[in-house]
Amino acid sequence: MTQVLSDFSTLPRPIPLAPERDDPDLWLTRLFTSQPARNGAVIRRKASEIERHVGWDRFLAELEQRGYRALENAGQVLIFCNAAPIRPVWG
Protein backbone atom coordinates (compact mmCIF):
# COMPACT_ATOMS: atom_id res chain seq x y z
CA MET A 1 0.00 0.00 0.00
CA THR A 2 1.30 3.46 -0.93
CA GLN A 3 1.38 6.14 1.73
CA VAL A 4 0.43 9.67 0.71
CA LEU A 5 2.23 12.62 2.29
CA SER A 6 -0.09 15.33 3.47
CA ASP A 7 2.40 17.39 5.47
CA PHE A 8 5.21 18.67 3.26
CA SER A 9 6.82 20.70 6.07
CA THR A 10 8.67 17.58 7.22
CA LEU A 11 10.47 17.18 3.90
CA PRO A 12 14.05 18.45 3.71
CA ARG A 13 14.53 21.75 1.88
CA PRO A 14 16.13 21.36 -1.53
CA ILE A 15 19.69 22.56 -1.98
CA PRO A 16 19.73 25.65 -4.21
CA LEU A 17 21.23 25.02 -7.62
CA ALA A 18 23.04 28.34 -7.64
CA PRO A 19 23.71 29.52 -4.06
CA GLU A 20 25.75 32.47 -5.34
CA ARG A 21 22.46 34.14 -6.30
CA ASP A 22 21.89 34.77 -2.62
CA ASP A 23 25.51 35.44 -1.66
CA PRO A 24 27.38 38.32 -3.34
CA ASP A 25 30.67 37.24 -1.75
CA LEU A 26 30.38 33.76 -3.24
CA TRP A 27 29.47 35.18 -6.67
CA LEU A 28 32.54 37.46 -6.66
CA THR A 29 34.77 34.66 -5.42
CA ARG A 30 33.64 32.34 -8.20
CA LEU A 31 34.05 35.06 -10.79
CA PHE A 32 37.58 36.05 -9.82
CA THR A 33 38.86 32.55 -9.01
CA SER A 34 37.74 31.12 -12.33
CA GLN A 35 40.51 29.74 -14.54
CA PRO A 36 40.38 32.64 -17.06
CA ALA A 37 40.49 35.24 -14.28
CA ARG A 38 43.43 33.53 -12.59
CA ASN A 39 45.25 33.44 -15.93
CA GLY A 40 44.78 37.19 -16.42
CA ALA A 41 42.31 36.80 -19.27
CA VAL A 42 39.28 38.86 -20.24
CA ILE A 43 35.93 37.55 -19.02
CA ARG A 44 32.45 38.66 -19.97
CA ARG A 45 29.27 38.95 -17.94
CA LYS A 46 25.86 40.51 -18.55
CA ALA A 47 25.52 43.91 -16.91
CA SER A 48 22.16 42.83 -15.51
CA GLU A 49 23.80 39.78 -13.91
CA ILE A 50 26.34 41.98 -12.12
CA GLU A 51 23.60 44.30 -10.90
CA ARG A 52 21.42 41.40 -9.72
CA HIS A 53 24.15 39.46 -7.90
CA VAL A 54 26.36 42.12 -6.31
CA GLY A 55 25.34 45.61 -7.44
CA TRP A 56 27.51 48.10 -9.29
CA ASP A 57 29.07 49.79 -6.27
CA ARG A 58 30.33 46.50 -4.86
CA PHE A 59 31.50 45.27 -8.26
CA LEU A 60 33.44 48.47 -9.01
CA ALA A 61 35.03 48.43 -5.55
CA GLU A 62 36.19 44.85 -6.16
CA LEU A 63 37.67 45.83 -9.54
CA GLU A 64 39.54 48.73 -7.97
CA GLN A 65 40.86 46.57 -5.13
CA ARG A 66 42.21 44.03 -7.63
CA GLY A 67 43.59 46.65 -10.02
CA TYR A 68 41.33 45.42 -12.83
CA ARG A 69 39.26 47.41 -15.30
CA ALA A 70 36.07 46.75 -17.21
CA LEU A 71 34.21 48.10 -20.23
CA GLU A 72 30.46 47.99 -20.81
CA ASN A 73 28.79 47.80 -24.21
CA ALA A 74 25.32 46.68 -25.30
CA GLY A 75 24.49 45.18 -21.91
CA GLN A 76 27.74 43.19 -21.71
CA VAL A 77 30.70 43.88 -19.43
CA LEU A 78 34.23 42.91 -20.41
CA ILE A 79 36.37 42.42 -17.32
CA PHE A 80 40.12 42.69 -17.86
CA CYS A 81 41.62 40.48 -15.15
CA ASN A 82 45.05 42.01 -15.47
CA ALA A 83 46.74 45.40 -15.17
CA ALA A 84 47.88 45.59 -18.81
CA PRO A 85 47.08 48.82 -20.66
CA ILE A 86 43.88 48.94 -22.69
CA ARG A 87 44.33 50.39 -26.17
CA PRO A 88 41.18 51.45 -28.03
CA VAL A 89 40.95 50.07 -31.55
CA TRP A 90 38.68 51.91 -33.97
CA GLY A 91 37.37 50.36 -37.16
C-alpha atoms as a PDB file:
ATOM      1  CA  MET A   1       0.000   0.000   0.000  1.00  0.00           C
ATOM      2  CA  THR A   2       1.301   3.462  -0.926  1.00  0.00           C
ATOM      3  CA  GLN A   3       1.384   6.140   1.731  1.00  0.00           C
ATOM      4  CA  VAL A   4       0.430   9.674   0.709  1.00  0.00           C
ATOM      5  CA  LEU A   5       2.233  12.617   2.289  1.00  0.00           C
ATOM      6  CA  SER A   6      -0.087  15.325   3.469  1.00  0.00           C
ATOM      7  CA  ASP A   7       2.404  17.386   5.469  1.00  0.00           C
ATOM      8  CA  PHE A   8       5.206  18.674   3.257  1.00  0.00           C
ATOM      9  CA  SER A   9       6.817  20.698   6.068  1.00  0.00           C
ATOM     10  CA  THR A  10       8.669  17.585   7.219  1.00  0.00           C
ATOM     11  CA  LEU A  11      10.467  17.178   3.901  1.00  0.00           C
ATOM     12  CA  PRO A  12      14.051  18.452   3.710  1.00  0.00           C
ATOM     13  CA  ARG A  13      14.527  21.746   1.884  1.00  0.00           C
ATOM     14  CA  PRO A  14      16.130  21.356  -1.533  1.00  0.00           C
ATOM     15  CA  ILE A  15      19.689  22.564  -1.976  1.00  0.00           C
ATOM     16  CA  PRO A  16      19.726  25.651  -4.206  1.00  0.00           C
ATOM     17  CA  LEU A  17      21.232  25.016  -7.619  1.00  0.00           C
ATOM     18  CA  ALA A  18      23.036  28.340  -7.635  1.00  0.00           C
ATOM     19  CA  PRO A  19      23.711  29.515  -4.059  1.00  0.00           C
ATOM     20  CA  GLU A  20      25.747  32.472  -5.337  1.00  0.00           C
ATOM     21  CA  ARG A  21      22.464  34.137  -6.298  1.00  0.00           C
ATOM     22  CA  ASP A  22      21.894  34.770  -2.617  1.00  0.00           C
ATOM     23  CA  ASP A  23      25.514  35.441  -1.656  1.00  0.00           C
ATOM     24  CA  PRO A  24      27.378  38.325  -3.343  1.00  0.00           C
ATOM     25  CA  ASP A  25      30.675  37.236  -1.753  1.00  0.00           C
ATOM     26  CA  LEU A  26      30.381  33.763  -3.244  1.00  0.00           C
ATOM     27  CA  TRP A  27      29.473  35.183  -6.674  1.00  0.00           C
ATOM     28  CA  LEU A  28      32.539  37.460  -6.664  1.00  0.00           C
ATOM     29  CA  THR A  29      34.775  34.659  -5.416  1.00  0.00           C
ATOM     30  CA  ARG A  30      33.636  32.335  -8.200  1.00  0.00           C
ATOM     31  CA  LEU A  31      34.053  35.060 -10.793  1.00  0.00           C
ATOM     32  CA  PHE A  32      37.580  36.052  -9.816  1.00  0.00           C
ATOM     33  CA  THR A  33      38.859  32.553  -9.010  1.00  0.00           C
ATOM     34  CA  SER A  34      37.735  31.116 -12.329  1.00  0.00           C
ATOM     35  CA  GLN A  35      40.506  29.740 -14.537  1.00  0.00           C
ATOM     36  CA  PRO A  36      40.379  32.643 -17.057  1.00  0.00           C
ATOM     37  CA  ALA A  37      40.491  35.241 -14.277  1.00  0.00           C
ATOM     38  CA  ARG A  38      43.433  33.533 -12.587  1.00  0.00           C
ATOM     39  CA  ASN A  39      45.245  33.443 -15.934  1.00  0.00           C
ATOM     40  CA  GLY A  40      44.782  37.186 -16.423  1.00  0.00           C
ATOM     41  CA  ALA A  41      42.309  36.804 -19.270  1.00  0.00           C
ATOM     42  CA  VAL A  42      39.283  38.858 -20.238  1.00  0.00           C
ATOM     43  CA  ILE A  43      35.933  37.554 -19.020  1.00  0.00           C
ATOM     44  CA  ARG A  44      32.450  38.660 -19.973  1.00  0.00           C
ATOM     45  CA  ARG A  45      29.266  38.954 -17.945  1.00  0.00           C
ATOM     46  CA  LYS A  46      25.863  40.508 -18.546  1.00  0.00           C
ATOM     47  CA  ALA A  47      25.518  43.913 -16.915  1.00  0.00           C
ATOM     48  CA  SER A  48      22.160  42.834 -15.507  1.00  0.00           C
ATOM     49  CA  GLU A  49      23.798  39.782 -13.907  1.00  0.00           C
ATOM     50  CA  ILE A  50      26.339  41.981 -12.118  1.00  0.00           C
ATOM     51  CA  GLU A  51      23.596  44.301 -10.900  1.00  0.00           C
ATOM     52  CA  ARG A  52      21.422  41.401  -9.721  1.00  0.00           C
ATOM     53  CA  HIS A  53      24.148  39.461  -7.899  1.00  0.00           C
ATOM     54  CA  VAL A  54      26.360  42.119  -6.311  1.00  0.00           C
ATOM     55  CA  GLY A  55      25.337  45.611  -7.441  1.00  0.00           C
ATOM     56  CA  TRP A  56      27.513  48.104  -9.293  1.00  0.00           C
ATOM     57  CA  ASP A  57      29.069  49.788  -6.268  1.00  0.00           C
ATOM     58  CA  ARG A  58      30.326  46.500  -4.859  1.00  0.00           C
ATOM     59  CA  PHE A  59      31.502  45.267  -8.258  1.00  0.00           C
ATOM     60  CA  LEU A  60      33.442  48.468  -9.013  1.00  0.00           C
ATOM     61  CA  ALA A  61      35.029  48.426  -5.550  1.00  0.00           C
ATOM     62  CA  GLU A  62      36.191  44.852  -6.164  1.00  0.00           C
ATOM     63  CA  LEU A  63      37.667  45.828  -9.543  1.00  0.00           C
ATOM     64  CA  GLU A  64      39.540  48.726  -7.969  1.00  0.00           C
ATOM     65  CA  GLN A  65      40.857  46.568  -5.132  1.00  0.00           C
ATOM     66  CA  ARG A  66      42.214  44.030  -7.625  1.00  0.00           C
ATOM     67  CA  GLY A  67      43.595  46.647 -10.023  1.00  0.00           C
ATOM     68  CA  TYR A  68      41.326  45.420 -12.834  1.00  0.00           C
ATOM     69  CA  ARG A  69      39.259  47.411 -15.304  1.00  0.00           C
ATOM     70  CA  ALA A  70      36.069  46.755 -17.208  1.00  0.00           C
ATOM     71  CA  LEU A  71      34.213  48.103 -20.228  1.00  0.00           C
ATOM     72  CA  GLU A  72      30.461  47.991 -20.810  1.00  0.00           C
ATOM     73  CA  ASN A  73      28.789  47.800 -24.214  1.00  0.00           C
ATOM     74  CA  ALA A  74      25.322  46.684 -25.302  1.00  0.00           C
ATOM     75  CA  GLY A  75      24.493  45.180 -21.912  1.00  0.00           C
ATOM     76  CA  GLN A  76      27.744  43.193 -21.712  1.00  0.00           C
ATOM     77  CA  VAL A  77      30.700  43.876 -19.433  1.00  0.00           C
ATOM     78  CA  LEU A  78      34.229  42.907 -20.408  1.00  0.00           C
ATOM     79  CA  ILE A  79      36.371  42.421 -17.317  1.00  0.00           C
ATOM     80  CA  PHE A  80      40.120  42.688 -17.855  1.00  0.00           C
ATOM     81  CA  CYS A  81      41.621  40.479 -15.154  1.00  0.00           C
ATOM     82  CA  ASN A  82      45.054  42.013 -15.474  1.00  0.00           C
ATOM     83  CA  ALA A  83      46.739  45.402 -15.174  1.00  0.00           C
ATOM     84  CA  ALA A  84      47.882  45.595 -18.809  1.00  0.00           C
ATOM     85  CA  PRO A  85      47.084  48.824 -20.662  1.00  0.00           C
ATOM     86  CA  ILE A  86      43.877  48.939 -22.695  1.00  0.00           C
ATOM     87  CA  ARG A  87      44.328  50.393 -26.165  1.00  0.00           C
ATOM     88  CA  PRO A  88      41.181  51.447 -28.032  1.00  0.00           C
ATOM     89  CA  VAL A  89      40.949  50.075 -31.547  1.00  0.00           C
ATOM     90  CA  TRP A  90      38.679  51.914 -33.968  1.00  0.00           C
ATOM     91  CA  GLY A  91      37.374  50.364 -37.160  1.00  0.00           C
END
